[in-house]
N, C-alpha and C. Protein backbone atom coordinates (compact mmCIF):
# COMPACT_ATOMS: atom_id res chain seq x y z
N UNK A 1 0.82 -1.19 0.00
CA UNK A 1 0.00 0.00 0.00
C UNK A 1 0.86 1.26 0.00
N UNK A 2 1.91 1.25 0.82
CA UNK A 2 2.78 2.42 0.92
C UNK A 2 3.52 2.68 -0.39
N UNK A 3 3.92 1.62 -1.06
CA UNK A 3 4.63 1.78 -2.33
C UNK A 3 3.68 2.36 -3.38
N UNK A 4 2.43 1.90 -3.38
CA UNK A 4 1.44 2.42 -4.32
C UNK A 4 1.16 3.90 -4.10
N UNK A 5 1.03 4.30 -2.84
CA UNK A 5 0.78 5.70 -2.52
C UNK A 5 2.01 6.55 -2.88
N UNK A 6 3.18 6.04 -2.58
CA UNK A 6 4.41 6.77 -2.93
C UNK A 6 4.53 6.96 -4.44
N UNK A 7 4.22 5.91 -5.19
CA UNK A 7 4.27 6.01 -6.65
C UNK A 7 3.25 7.03 -7.16
N UNK A 8 2.06 7.02 -6.56
CA UNK A 8 1.03 7.97 -6.97
C UNK A 8 1.46 9.41 -6.67
N UNK A 9 2.08 9.64 -5.52
CA UNK A 9 2.56 10.97 -5.16
C UNK A 9 3.63 11.43 -6.14
N UNK A 10 4.55 10.55 -6.48
CA UNK A 10 5.61 10.90 -7.43
C UNK A 10 5.01 11.26 -8.79
N UNK A 11 4.06 10.47 -9.26
CA UNK A 11 3.42 10.75 -10.55
C UNK A 11 2.69 12.08 -10.52
N UNK A 12 1.96 12.35 -9.44
CA UNK A 12 1.23 13.61 -9.33
C UNK A 12 2.18 14.81 -9.24
N UNK A 13 3.27 14.67 -8.49
CA UNK A 13 4.25 15.76 -8.41
C UNK A 13 4.92 16.01 -9.75
N UNK A 14 5.26 14.94 -10.45
CA UNK A 14 5.87 15.12 -11.77
C UNK A 14 4.90 15.78 -12.74
N UNK A 15 3.63 15.40 -12.67
CA UNK A 15 2.62 16.03 -13.52
C UNK A 15 2.52 17.52 -13.22
N UNK A 16 2.52 17.87 -11.93
CA UNK A 16 2.45 19.27 -11.53
C UNK A 16 3.69 20.03 -12.02
N UNK A 17 4.85 19.45 -11.83
CA UNK A 17 6.08 20.14 -12.24
C UNK A 17 6.16 20.32 -13.75
N UNK A 18 5.77 19.31 -14.50
CA UNK A 18 5.82 19.40 -15.96
C UNK A 18 4.84 20.45 -16.46
N UNK A 19 3.63 20.48 -15.89
CA UNK A 19 2.66 21.48 -16.35
C UNK A 19 3.11 22.88 -15.97
N UNK A 20 3.70 23.04 -14.80
CA UNK A 20 4.19 24.35 -14.38
C UNK A 20 5.32 24.82 -15.28
N UNK A 21 6.24 23.93 -15.58
CA UNK A 21 7.36 24.29 -16.46
C UNK A 21 6.85 24.61 -17.86
N UNK A 22 5.89 23.84 -18.35
CA UNK A 22 5.33 24.08 -19.67
C UNK A 22 4.65 25.45 -19.73
N UNK A 23 3.89 25.78 -18.70
CA UNK A 23 3.23 27.09 -18.66
C UNK A 23 4.26 28.22 -18.60
N UNK A 24 5.30 28.02 -17.80
CA UNK A 24 6.34 29.05 -17.70
C UNK A 24 7.03 29.27 -19.04
N UNK A 25 7.31 28.21 -19.74
CA UNK A 25 7.98 28.33 -21.03
C UNK A 25 7.07 29.01 -22.05
N UNK A 26 5.79 28.70 -22.03
CA UNK A 26 4.86 29.36 -22.95
C UNK A 26 4.75 30.85 -22.65
N UNK A 27 4.75 31.22 -21.36
CA UNK A 27 4.69 32.63 -21.00
C UNK A 27 5.96 33.35 -21.42
N UNK A 28 7.10 32.74 -21.17
CA UNK A 28 8.37 33.34 -21.59
C UNK A 28 8.40 33.54 -23.10
N UNK A 29 7.94 32.55 -23.83
CA UNK A 29 7.93 32.65 -25.29
C UNK A 29 6.96 33.75 -25.74
N UNK A 30 5.81 33.86 -25.08
CA UNK A 30 4.84 34.90 -25.44
C UNK A 30 5.40 36.30 -25.16
N UNK A 31 6.09 36.45 -24.05
CA UNK A 31 6.70 37.75 -23.73
C UNK A 31 7.78 38.09 -24.76
N UNK A 32 8.59 37.13 -25.12
CA UNK A 32 9.65 37.40 -26.10
C UNK A 32 9.11 37.62 -27.50
N UNK A 33 7.90 37.13 -27.77
CA UNK A 33 7.28 37.34 -29.08
C UNK A 33 6.45 38.61 -29.11
N UNK A 34 6.57 39.44 -28.06
CA UNK A 34 5.85 40.71 -27.96
C UNK A 34 4.34 40.51 -27.98
N UNK A 35 3.89 39.41 -27.39
CA UNK A 35 2.46 39.16 -27.27
C UNK A 35 1.82 38.52 -28.48
N UNK A 36 2.59 38.27 -29.52
CA UNK A 36 2.02 37.64 -30.72
C UNK A 36 1.92 36.13 -30.51
N UNK A 37 0.75 35.60 -30.80
CA UNK A 37 0.54 34.16 -30.58
C UNK A 37 1.02 33.35 -31.77
N UNK A 38 0.69 33.77 -32.96
CA UNK A 38 1.04 33.02 -34.17
C UNK A 38 2.31 33.61 -34.80
N UNK A 39 3.45 33.22 -34.27
CA UNK A 39 4.71 33.69 -34.83
C UNK A 39 5.34 32.58 -35.64
N UNK A 40 6.22 32.99 -36.53
CA UNK A 40 6.94 32.02 -37.34
C UNK A 40 7.94 31.30 -36.45
N UNK A 41 8.11 30.02 -36.64
CA UNK A 41 9.04 29.18 -35.88
C UNK A 41 8.71 29.14 -34.39
N UNK A 42 7.42 29.13 -34.06
CA UNK A 42 7.00 29.10 -32.66
C UNK A 42 7.53 27.86 -31.95
N UNK A 43 7.41 26.71 -32.59
CA UNK A 43 7.87 25.46 -31.98
C UNK A 43 9.38 25.50 -31.73
N UNK A 44 10.11 26.11 -32.65
CA UNK A 44 11.56 26.22 -32.50
C UNK A 44 11.91 27.09 -31.29
N UNK A 45 11.19 28.20 -31.12
CA UNK A 45 11.45 29.08 -29.99
C UNK A 45 11.14 28.38 -28.66
N UNK A 46 10.03 27.65 -28.63
CA UNK A 46 9.66 26.92 -27.41
C UNK A 46 10.71 25.87 -27.09
N UNK A 47 11.20 25.18 -28.10
CA UNK A 47 12.23 24.17 -27.88
C UNK A 47 13.51 24.80 -27.34
N UNK A 48 13.87 25.97 -27.85
CA UNK A 48 15.06 26.68 -27.35
C UNK A 48 14.89 27.01 -25.87
N UNK A 49 13.70 27.48 -25.47
CA UNK A 49 13.47 27.82 -24.06
C UNK A 49 13.45 26.58 -23.19
N UNK A 50 12.94 25.47 -23.70
CA UNK A 50 12.96 24.22 -22.94
C UNK A 50 14.39 23.79 -22.68
N UNK A 51 15.22 23.84 -23.71
CA UNK A 51 16.62 23.45 -23.56
C UNK A 51 17.34 24.39 -22.60
N UNK A 52 17.08 25.69 -22.71
CA UNK A 52 17.74 26.67 -21.83
C UNK A 52 17.34 26.45 -20.38
N UNK A 53 16.05 26.27 -20.12
CA UNK A 53 15.58 26.06 -18.75
C UNK A 53 16.13 24.76 -18.18
N UNK A 54 16.14 23.72 -18.98
CA UNK A 54 16.68 22.45 -18.54
C UNK A 54 18.17 22.55 -18.24
N UNK A 55 18.90 23.29 -19.08
CA UNK A 55 20.34 23.45 -18.86
C UNK A 55 20.62 24.21 -17.57
N UNK A 56 19.85 25.25 -17.30
CA UNK A 56 20.04 26.01 -16.05
C UNK A 56 19.77 25.12 -14.84
N UNK A 57 18.67 24.39 -14.87
CA UNK A 57 18.34 23.50 -13.75
C UNK A 57 19.40 22.42 -13.58
N UNK A 58 19.84 21.84 -14.68
CA UNK A 58 20.87 20.79 -14.59
C UNK A 58 22.18 21.35 -14.04
N UNK A 59 22.56 22.56 -14.48
CA UNK A 59 23.79 23.17 -13.97
C UNK A 59 23.69 23.44 -12.47
N UNK A 60 22.53 23.93 -12.03
CA UNK A 60 22.35 24.18 -10.60
C UNK A 60 22.38 22.88 -9.79
N UNK A 61 21.75 21.84 -10.31
CA UNK A 61 21.77 20.56 -9.61
C UNK A 61 23.17 19.97 -9.53
N UNK A 62 23.92 20.08 -10.63
CA UNK A 62 25.28 19.55 -10.63
C UNK A 62 26.22 20.39 -9.77
N UNK A 63 25.99 21.69 -9.71
CA UNK A 63 26.88 22.58 -8.97
C UNK A 63 26.70 22.44 -7.46
N UNK A 64 25.44 22.37 -7.03
CA UNK A 64 25.25 22.35 -5.58
C UNK A 64 24.01 21.63 -5.13
N UNK A 65 23.38 20.93 -6.02
CA UNK A 65 22.19 20.18 -5.64
C UNK A 65 21.01 21.08 -5.35
N UNK A 66 20.18 20.63 -4.44
CA UNK A 66 18.96 21.34 -4.09
C UNK A 66 19.26 22.67 -3.40
N UNK A 67 20.37 22.74 -2.68
CA UNK A 67 20.76 23.99 -2.02
C UNK A 67 21.02 25.09 -3.04
N UNK A 68 21.65 24.75 -4.15
CA UNK A 68 21.92 25.75 -5.19
C UNK A 68 20.63 26.25 -5.81
N UNK A 69 19.68 25.36 -6.04
CA UNK A 69 18.40 25.77 -6.61
C UNK A 69 17.64 26.66 -5.63
N UNK A 70 17.68 26.29 -4.34
CA UNK A 70 17.02 27.10 -3.32
C UNK A 70 17.64 28.49 -3.24
N UNK A 71 18.96 28.56 -3.27
CA UNK A 71 19.64 29.86 -3.24
C UNK A 71 19.30 30.70 -4.46
N UNK A 72 19.26 30.08 -5.62
CA UNK A 72 18.91 30.80 -6.85
C UNK A 72 17.48 31.33 -6.78
N UNK A 73 16.57 30.54 -6.23
CA UNK A 73 15.18 30.99 -6.11
C UNK A 73 15.07 32.17 -5.15
N UNK A 74 15.81 32.13 -4.05
CA UNK A 74 15.77 33.23 -3.09
C UNK A 74 16.35 34.49 -3.71
N UNK A 75 17.48 34.35 -4.40
CA UNK A 75 18.11 35.51 -5.03
C UNK A 75 17.19 36.12 -6.08
N UNK A 76 16.48 35.28 -6.83
CA UNK A 76 15.57 35.79 -7.85
C UNK A 76 14.32 36.41 -7.23
N UNK A 77 13.92 35.96 -6.05
CA UNK A 77 12.68 36.45 -5.44
C UNK A 77 12.86 37.76 -4.68
N UNK A 78 14.08 38.10 -4.27
CA UNK A 78 14.30 39.30 -3.47
C UNK A 78 13.84 40.58 -4.19
N UNK A 79 14.21 40.80 -5.45
CA UNK A 79 13.72 42.03 -6.11
C UNK A 79 12.20 42.10 -6.19
N UNK A 80 11.54 40.96 -6.41
CA UNK A 80 10.09 40.96 -6.47
C UNK A 80 9.48 41.28 -5.11
N UNK A 81 10.15 40.92 -4.04
CA UNK A 81 9.67 41.26 -2.70
C UNK A 81 9.64 42.76 -2.52
N UNK A 82 10.68 43.44 -2.97
CA UNK A 82 10.71 44.90 -2.87
C UNK A 82 9.60 45.53 -3.72
N UNK A 83 9.38 44.98 -4.89
CA UNK A 83 8.31 45.50 -5.76
C UNK A 83 6.95 45.32 -5.09
N UNK A 84 6.73 44.18 -4.47
CA UNK A 84 5.45 43.93 -3.80
C UNK A 84 5.28 44.88 -2.62
N UNK A 85 6.35 45.14 -1.87
CA UNK A 85 6.27 46.09 -0.76
C UNK A 85 5.93 47.48 -1.27
N UNK A 86 6.56 47.90 -2.36
CA UNK A 86 6.25 49.21 -2.94
C UNK A 86 4.80 49.27 -3.45
N UNK A 87 4.32 48.18 -4.01
CA UNK A 87 2.92 48.15 -4.47
C UNK A 87 1.96 48.25 -3.28
N UNK A 88 2.30 47.61 -2.17
CA UNK A 88 1.44 47.69 -0.98
C UNK A 88 1.40 49.12 -0.44
N UNK A 89 2.55 49.78 -0.43
CA UNK A 89 2.60 51.17 0.01
C UNK A 89 1.78 52.05 -0.91
N UNK A 90 1.90 51.83 -2.20
CA UNK A 90 1.13 52.59 -3.18
C UNK A 90 -0.37 52.37 -2.99
N UNK A 91 -0.77 51.14 -2.74
CA UNK A 91 -2.18 50.83 -2.50
C UNK A 91 -2.69 51.56 -1.26
N UNK A 92 -1.90 51.53 -0.19
CA UNK A 92 -2.31 52.24 1.03
C UNK A 92 -2.46 53.73 0.78
N UNK A 93 -1.51 54.32 0.03
CA UNK A 93 -1.61 55.75 -0.29
C UNK A 93 -2.89 56.04 -1.08
N UNK A 94 -3.19 55.20 -2.07
CA UNK A 94 -4.38 55.41 -2.89
C UNK A 94 -5.66 55.27 -2.05
N UNK A 95 -5.67 54.31 -1.13
CA UNK A 95 -6.84 54.14 -0.26
C UNK A 95 -7.02 55.35 0.66
N UNK A 96 -5.93 55.89 1.16
CA UNK A 96 -6.02 57.07 2.02
C UNK A 96 -6.53 58.27 1.23
N UNK A 97 -6.03 58.47 0.01
CA UNK A 97 -6.49 59.57 -0.83
C UNK A 97 -7.97 59.41 -1.14
N UNK A 98 -8.40 58.20 -1.45
CA UNK A 98 -9.83 57.96 -1.73
C UNK A 98 -10.69 58.24 -0.49
N UNK A 99 -10.20 57.85 0.67
CA UNK A 99 -10.94 58.09 1.90
C UNK A 99 -11.07 59.59 2.18
N UNK A 100 -9.99 60.32 1.96
CA UNK A 100 -10.02 61.79 2.16
C UNK A 100 -10.99 62.43 1.17
N UNK A 101 -10.96 62.02 -0.09
CA UNK A 101 -11.87 62.57 -1.09
C UNK A 101 -13.33 62.22 -0.78
N UNK A 102 -13.56 61.03 -0.25
CA UNK A 102 -14.93 60.62 0.09
C UNK A 102 -15.46 61.44 1.26
N UNK A 103 -14.61 61.78 2.19
CA UNK A 103 -15.05 62.57 3.35
C UNK A 103 -15.33 64.01 2.95
N UNK A 104 -14.62 64.53 1.95
CA UNK A 104 -14.82 65.90 1.50
C UNK A 104 -16.15 66.07 0.76
N UNK A 105 -16.56 65.01 0.08
CA UNK A 105 -17.79 65.14 -0.72
C UNK A 105 -18.98 64.54 -0.07
């Protein structure tokens, strides 16, 4: 029973990872194509991004294993954290301005 459940978990995790990677590659390709869906050599561009993403992951795994991937994810996430903090501050400012305008009228 435990082996069956373990196998099912592995299959489900692999399915999740493959679909996530596929979606990420399609988004990257769409951004690089300037939003155009029907571009020439679309399959070739997607294949290039698949190879590039796989090469980066393989290099990180070979260089330092899971710790290297975790460090790379943290380093990549730090700038987005600052952007999210700035967006939260901006939202609070906008809410305060709206509240002041609502009280005036």
